[in-house]
Protein backbone atom coordinates (compact mmCIF):
# COMPACT_ATOMS: atom_id res chain seq x y z
CA UNK A 1 94.90 86.90 106.18
CA UNK A 2 94.80 90.14 104.70
CA UNK A 3 97.53 90.88 101.26
CA UNK A 4 97.95 93.70 101.89
CA UNK A 5 100.79 96.65 103.85
CA UNK A 6 99.80 99.02 106.78
CA UNK A 7 100.86 101.80 106.94
CA UNK A 8 100.55 103.31 110.37
CA UNK A 9 101.26 107.34 111.20
CA UNK A 10 99.62 110.58 112.09
CA UNK A 11 99.57 114.13 111.37
CA UNK A 12 100.18 114.81 114.67
CA UNK A 13 103.31 113.87 114.94
CA UNK A 14 104.57 116.05 112.58
CA UNK A 15 103.58 118.52 115.01
CA UNK A 16 106.76 116.96 117.08
CA UNK A 17 109.80 119.88 116.64
CA UNK A 18 112.67 119.99 118.77
CA UNK A 19 114.67 122.61 117.57
CA UNK A 20 115.15 125.29 114.67
CA UNK A 21 118.25 123.81 112.77
CA UNK A 22 117.68 120.02 114.07
CA UNK A 23 118.16 117.23 111.43
CA UNK A 24 115.63 116.07 113.39
CA UNK A 25 112.63 118.03 111.85
CA UNK A 26 109.19 118.13 111.34
CA UNK A 27 109.46 117.90 106.77
CA UNK A 28 110.37 114.47 107.50
CA UNK A 29 107.47 113.05 108.05
CA UNK A 30 105.99 114.78 105.76
CA UNK A 31 108.13 114.66 103.12
CA UNK A 32 107.80 110.64 102.82
CA UNK A 33 104.47 110.60 103.43
CA UNK A 34 103.73 113.72 100.60
CA UNK A 35 105.64 111.00 98.16
CA UNK A 36 103.46 108.91 99.30
CA UNK A 37 100.37 110.32 98.06
CA UNK A 38 101.83 111.57 94.61
CA UNK A 39 102.69 108.05 94.49
CA UNK A 40 100.88 105.73 96.33
CA UNK A 41 101.93 101.95 96.55
CA UNK A 42 99.19 99.39 95.58
CA UNK A 43 98.26 96.83 98.22
CA UNK A 44 99.14 99.59 100.80
CA UNK A 45 96.72 101.72 103.03
CA UNK A 46 96.79 104.04 105.94
CA UNK A 47 95.92 103.97 109.38
CA UNK A 48 95.68 106.64 111.88
CA UNK A 49 97.67 105.58 114.76
CA UNK A 50 96.79 105.78 119.12
CA UNK A 51 98.80 106.74 122.00
CA UNK A 52 100.63 103.97 123.57
CA UNK A 53 99.92 102.68 126.76
CA UNK A 54 101.69 103.22 130.07
CA UNK A 55 101.26 99.72 131.01
CA UNK A 56 103.20 98.64 127.31
CA UNK A 57 105.76 101.45 127.69
CA UNK A 58 107.00 100.22 131.49
CA UNK A 59 107.39 96.50 129.61
CA UNK A 60 110.84 98.81 128.89
CA UNK A 61 111.34 101.89 130.44
CA UNK A 62 111.49 102.07 134.39
CA UNK A 63 108.09 105.11 135.77
CA UNK A 64 111.60 107.59 136.43
CA UNK A 65 112.53 107.72 132.60
CA UNK A 66 107.98 107.32 131.46
CA UNK A 67 108.50 110.74 134.98
CA UNK A 68 110.86 112.63 132.81
CA UNK A 69 109.24 112.15 129.65
CA UNK A 70 105.81 113.65 130.95
CA UNK A 71 107.29 116.28 132.19
CA UNK A 72 108.91 117.36 128.80
CA UNK A 73 104.49 117.91 128.10
CA UNK A 74 103.61 121.16 126.61
CA UNK A 75 106.28 122.59 127.20
CA UNK A 76 109.88 123.10 124.45
CA UNK A 77 112.51 121.70 126.64
CA UNK A 78 115.63 120.11 125.81
CA UNK A 79 116.32 116.31 128.10
CA UNK A 80 119.60 115.63 126.97
CA UNK A 81 121.77 118.23 125.15
CA UNK A 82 120.72 116.31 121.67
CA UNK A 83 117.20 115.81 122.34
CA UNK A 84 115.18 118.40 122.60
CA UNK A 85 111.00 118.97 122.58
CA UNK A 86 107.70 121.22 121.85
CA UNK A 87 105.14 121.80 123.24
CA UNK A 88 103.45 119.00 120.82
CA UNK A 89 106.50 116.35 121.52
CA UNK A 90 104.81 114.19 124.17
CA UNK A 91 101.97 113.59 122.51
CA UNK A 92 103.29 112.76 118.99
CA UNK A 93 106.04 110.08 120.71
CA UNK A 94 103.31 108.74 122.90
CA UNK A 95 101.48 108.04 119.00
CA UNK A 96 105.07 106.92 117.55
CA UNK A 97 105.24 103.94 120.25
CA UNK A 98 102.06 104.00 119.53
CA UNK A 99 102.08 103.33 115.56
CA UNK A 100 104.86 100.55 116.55
CA UNK A 101 102.33 98.81 118.86
CA UNK A 102 99.51 98.70 115.82
CA UNK A 103 101.87 97.61 113.47
CA UNK A 104 103.04 94.76 115.02
CA UNK A 105 98.78 94.26 116.58
CA UNK A 106 97.78 94.32 112.58
CA UNK A 107 100.23 91.42 111.23
CA UNK A 108 99.88 88.40 114.65
CA UNK A 109 96.44 89.13 114.19
CA UNK A 110 95.97 88.72 110.12
CA UNK A 111 94.40 92.43 109.30
CA UNK A 112 97.84 93.32 107.73
CA UNK A 113 100.45 90.68 105.78
CA UNK A 114 102.60 92.86 106.68
CA UNK A 115 103.01 96.67 107.90
CA UNK A 116 105.30 100.22 108.08
CA UNK A 117 104.66 102.38 110.93
CA UNK A 118 105.37 105.62 109.98
CA UNK A 119 106.81 107.45 112.45
CA UNK A 120 108.79 110.41 114.73
CA UNK A 121 110.74 110.75 116.95
CA UNK A 122 112.98 107.52 116.62
CA UNK A 123 113.02 105.71 118.87
CA UNK A 124 116.00 102.61 119.21
CA UNK A 125 118.64 105.23 121.51
CA UNK A 126 116.29 105.78 123.95
CA UNK A 127 117.05 103.34 127.05
CA UNK A 128 115.26 102.10 129.71
CA UNK A 129 115.99 104.34 131.68
CA UNK A 130 116.87 107.79 129.52
CA UNK A 131 116.62 109.95 126.74
CA UNK A 132 118.42 109.68 124.24
CA UNK A 133 119.83 111.43 120.55
CA UNK A 134 116.45 112.43 119.14
CA UNK A 135 114.45 109.51 120.78
CA UNK A 136 111.99 109.98 123.67
CA UNK A 137 110.38 106.22 123.99
CA UNK A 138 112.17 102.93 122.55
CA UNK A 139 109.02 102.50 119.84
CA UNK A 140 109.98 99.55 118.65
CA UNK A 141 111.43 97.82 122.12
CA UNK A 142 108.08 98.30 123.60
CA UNK A 143 106.33 96.94 120.05
CA UNK A 144 108.27 93.61 120.40
CA UNK A 145 107.46 93.28 124.34
CA UNK A 146 104.27 94.03 123.82
CA UNK A 147 104.51 90.77 120.85
CA UNK A 148 106.47 88.88 123.60
CA UNK A 149 103.66 90.34 127.16
CA UNK A 150 99.62 90.07 125.53
CA UNK A 151 100.17 88.56 121.43
CA UNK A 152 100.88 84.88 122.22
CA UNK A 153 104.98 85.64 120.52
CA UNK A 154 107.58 83.28 121.40
CA UNK A 155 110.81 84.88 119.73
CA UNK A 156 110.30 88.15 118.28
CA UNK A 157 113.98 89.00 115.73
CA UNK A 158 114.13 92.70 115.48
CA UNK A 159 116.93 93.96 112.47
CA UNK A 160 118.13 97.56 112.77
CA UNK A 161 119.91 99.07 109.16
CA UNK A 162 119.55 102.50 110.90
CA UNK A 163 123.71 104.10 110.41
CA UNK A 164 123.75 104.61 114.30
CA UNK A 165 123.32 101.69 116.33
CA UNK A 166 120.49 100.74 118.17
CA UNK A 167 122.41 100.73 121.64
CA UNK A 168 118.52 101.20 123.93
CA UNK A 169 117.19 98.16 121.77
CA UNK A 170 120.43 97.01 122.80
CA UNK A 171 120.13 97.39 126.32
CA UNK A 172 116.19 96.26 126.70
CA UNK A 173 116.48 92.51 125.79
CA UNK A 174 120.88 92.79 126.82
CA UNK A 175 119.94 89.56 128.97
CA UNK A 176 116.83 87.75 127.39
CA UNK A 177 116.82 84.85 125.20
CA UNK A 178 113.34 85.64 123.77
CA UNK A 179 114.69 88.81 121.28
CA UNK A 180 117.89 88.00 118.62
CA UNK A 181 118.86 91.87 118.60
CA UNK A 182 120.69 92.77 115.38
CA UNK A 183 122.25 95.45 114.12
CA UNK A 184 124.28 96.69 111.37
CA UNK A 185 125.90 100.63 112.29
CA UNK A 186 128.48 102.71 111.37
CA UNK A 187 131.36 102.22 113.90
CA UNK A 188 133.11 105.07 115.02
CA UNK A 189 130.46 106.35 115.35
CA UNK A 190 128.25 107.84 117.33
CA UNK A 191 126.38 106.37 120.26
CA UNK A 192 129.79 104.43 120.69
CA UNK A 193 128.13 101.39 121.12
CA UNK A 194 127.78 97.78 119.44
CA UNK A 195 131.17 95.99 118.87
CA UNK A 196 131.31 92.60 117.46
CA UNK A 197 131.58 91.66 121.14
CA UNK A 198 129.07 92.54 122.22
CA UNK A 199 126.74 89.95 122.87
CA UNK A 200 123.94 90.14 125.36
CA UNK A 201 124.69 88.88 128.57
CA UNK A 202 123.63 86.09 130.69
CA UNK A 203 120.74 84.59 129.56
CA UNK A 204 120.61 86.89 126.93
CA UNK A 205 124.63 85.86 125.34
CA UNK A 206 124.60 85.32 121.40
CA UNK A 207 120.89 87.25 121.34
CA UNK A 208 122.48 90.17 120.52
CA UNK A 209 124.31 90.63 116.73
CA UNK A 210 126.43 93.59 116.25
CA UNK A 211 127.97 94.09 112.59
CA UNK A 212 130.12 97.45 113.07
CA UNK A 213 130.09 98.81 109.36
CA UNK A 214 133.61 101.57 108.09
CA UNK A 215 132.44 104.67 106.59
CA UNK A 216 132.04 104.44 103.43
CA UNK A 217 130.09 100.49 102.90
CA UNK A 218 127.23 100.14 101.24
CA UNK A 219 124.88 98.07 100.08
CA UNK A 220 126.37 94.73 99.88
CA UNK A 221 128.57 95.98 102.96
CA UNK A 222 124.67 95.32 104.47
CA UNK A 223 122.85 92.56 102.24
CA UNK A 224 126.29 90.74 103.19
CA UNK A 225 125.74 91.41 107.00
CA UNK A 226 122.18 90.15 106.83
CA UNK A 227 123.73 86.86 104.30
CA UNK A 228 126.36 85.95 106.40
CA UNK A 229 125.75 86.96 109.99
CA UNK A 230 122.63 87.43 110.14
CA UNK A 231 120.88 84.34 108.11
CA UNK A 232 122.32 81.63 109.98
CA UNK A 233 121.64 82.90 113.09
CA UNK A 234 117.45 83.66 111.98
CA UNK A 235 117.59 80.28 110.55
CA UNK A 236 118.54 78.93 114.06
CA UNK A 237 116.20 80.76 116.48
CA UNK A 238 112.77 80.68 114.19
CA UNK A 239 111.48 84.29 114.79
CA UNK A 240 107.22 84.17 115.25
CA UNK A 241 107.86 88.52 114.55
CA UNK A 242 109.95 89.77 112.71
CA UNK A 243 110.17 93.96 113.13
CA UNK A 244 112.84 96.20 111.82
CA UNK A 245 114.08 99.27 112.84
CA UNK A 246 114.15 101.09 109.55
CA UNK A 247 116.31 103.99 109.55
CA UNK A 248 117.67 105.42 106.07
CA UNK A 249 120.21 107.29 107.42
CA UNK A 250 122.80 105.45 105.78
CA UNK A 251 121.87 106.17 102.47
CA UNK A 252 125.25 108.50 100.79
CA UNK A 253 123.12 111.73 100.84
CA UNK A 254 122.73 111.44 104.54
CA UNK A 255 124.33 114.58 106.27
CA UNK A 256 124.46 112.79 109.79
CA UNK A 257 126.06 109.26 108.30
CA UNK A 258 129.30 108.81 106.12
CA UNK A 259 127.60 105.57 104.48
CA UNK A 260 127.16 104.55 100.76
CA UNK A 261 123.47 103.14 100.83
CA UNK A 262 120.64 103.72 97.64
CA UNK A 263 117.33 103.38 97.94
CA UNK A 264 117.10 100.43 96.05
CA UNK A 265 119.65 98.54 98.82
CA UNK A 266 117.76 99.55 101.40
CA UNK A 267 114.59 97.70 98.98
CA UNK A 268 116.92 94.29 99.58
CA UNK A 269 117.52 94.22 102.32
CA UNK A 270 113.87 94.73 102.90
CA UNK A 271 112.99 91.56 100.10
CA UNK A 272 115.52 89.66 102.49
CA UNK A 273 113.42 90.25 105.30
CA UNK A 274 110.74 89.35 103.90
CA UNK A 275 111.67 86.42 103.12
CA UNK A 276 112.66 85.50 106.73
CA UNK A 277 109.54 86.71 107.88
CA UNK A 278 107.94 84.02 105.02
CA UNK A 279 110.43 81.58 106.30
CA UNK A 280 109.65 80.88 109.42
CA UNK A 281 107.04 84.00 110.34
CA UNK A 282 104.22 83.13 108.58
CA UNK A 283 104.97 87.05 106.65
CA UNK A 284 104.34 88.48 109.91
CA UNK A 285 107.05 91.86 109.40
CA UNK A 286 106.24 95.38 110.59
CA UNK A 287 108.47 98.11 110.16
CA UNK A 288 109.94 100.55 111.92
CA UNK A 289 110.82 104.79 111.15
CA UNK A 290 113.89 105.50 112.78
CA UNK A 291 116.89 108.38 111.18
CA UNK A 292 117.16 108.79 107.94
CA UNK A 293 117.56 113.15 107.29
CA UNK A 294 118.48 113.32 103.84
CA UNK A 295 114.65 114.48 102.90
CA UNK A 296 114.25 112.61 98.99
CA UNK A 297 116.48 110.51 99.96
CA UNK A 298 114.99 109.56 103.27
CA UNK A 299 110.95 109.67 101.17
CA UNK A 300 112.72 107.34 98.35
CA UNK A 301 113.68 104.76 100.46
CA UNK A 302 110.61 104.48 102.10
CA UNK A 303 108.42 104.05 99.06
CA UNK A 304 110.78 102.13 97.60
CA UNK A 305 110.72 99.92 101.14
CA UNK A 306 106.57 99.79 100.79
CA UNK A 307 106.98 98.19 97.27
CA UNK A 308 108.35 95.68 98.63
CA UNK A 309 106.25 94.73 101.58
CA UNK A 310 103.59 95.28 99.18
CA UNK A 311 105.16 91.89 97.11
CA UNK A 312 106.94 93.58 94.13
CA UNK A 313 110.47 91.81 93.75
CA UNK A 314 113.24 94.07 95.61
CA UNK A 315 116.70 94.79 93.69
CA UNK A 316 119.14 91.83 93.27
CA UNK A 317 121.98 91.91 96.31
CA UNK A 318 125.21 94.24 95.78
CA UNK A 319 128.57 92.53 96.83
CA UNK A 320 130.34 93.71 100.01
CA UNK A 321 132.57 96.93 99.55
CA UNK A 322 135.16 98.12 101.88
CA UNK A 323 133.59 96.83 104.96
CA UNK A 324 134.38 92.92 103.82
CA UNK A 325 137.22 93.02 106.96
CA UNK A 326 134.09 93.97 109.27
CA UNK A 327 131.79 91.45 107.94
CA UNK A 328 133.90 88.61 108.86
CA UNK A 329 134.90 89.76 112.14
CA UNK A 330 131.11 89.50 112.47
CA UNK A 331 130.73 86.28 111.41
CA UNK A 332 133.65 84.23 113.57
CA UNK A 333 132.16 86.13 116.80
CA UNK A 334 128.20 85.41 115.60
CA UNK A 335 129.57 81.34 114.81
CA UNK A 336 130.47 80.71 118.61
CA UNK A 337 126.36 80.84 119.49
CA UNK A 338 124.55 80.19 115.75
CA UNK A 339 126.68 78.06 113.86
CA UNK A 340 126.05 77.87 110.41
CA UNK A 341 123.53 74.74 108.60
């Protein structure tokens, strides 16, 4: 197996422009790639993305949804109040979903030890039948469904540490027991979903775990969520692939969020999921970029995670702060389905 980190991206994703003053602006991806160009991480290499196919996206999205996305090709319109397009946006969305698929294919095939899809537009708010929250296609969900349907993966773990709940990903898998979806997010906050009591439905009951945290929560609170809520569930679930919706808008500098995380804190979280993947999934770990709207904080946090993916020792985990009560409540819900020990 290759021992490097594959970074999947494409300059054409920079051409997606949802409108003047929009926080999901082209400079986000430029800032990330510029920092990685100026300060490359040893052990990482970059490849160009190829678009996802309609068949791959169709495992998650309805035909009506895909037709609506396609209707914006070459046009500058608003598909919802938060989600605008430019003439290049639809191509960028298909490339973003394709990059997530490539990142997964590489780690499953052993072409890379770990991977990171550096993409925009983000994806975790896009529901099977709805554009939402800057997102056109559900990148992580498409990659997870592809891993299950085409790559022989039996159990996929998705970790979402964006400041916003990944409602689209959650809805895609809420009634399935082959995908364990875990989300930490600020609450109350957009999009208003993801209470701890939402654990999935039908055969998927218990395979959705939410840790809503108050504004002001920081590195230690997210670390405790992964260690105390996710840890026992992941050890029992034994994923053979680990995916991360890696949003960095929980950073203390982010203009949209209200959390207090740092680049070191995200690196520490990356260390936790790296260890989970090493323990259960033969190291198969792929991150997919979601939010993060302060350019310097976003770029520094991405690079810190790439360093951990490439084998550097992550920073130590911080101690919980203002989220202690919320963590206890979420852990109590998780223990109904995934007893510790």
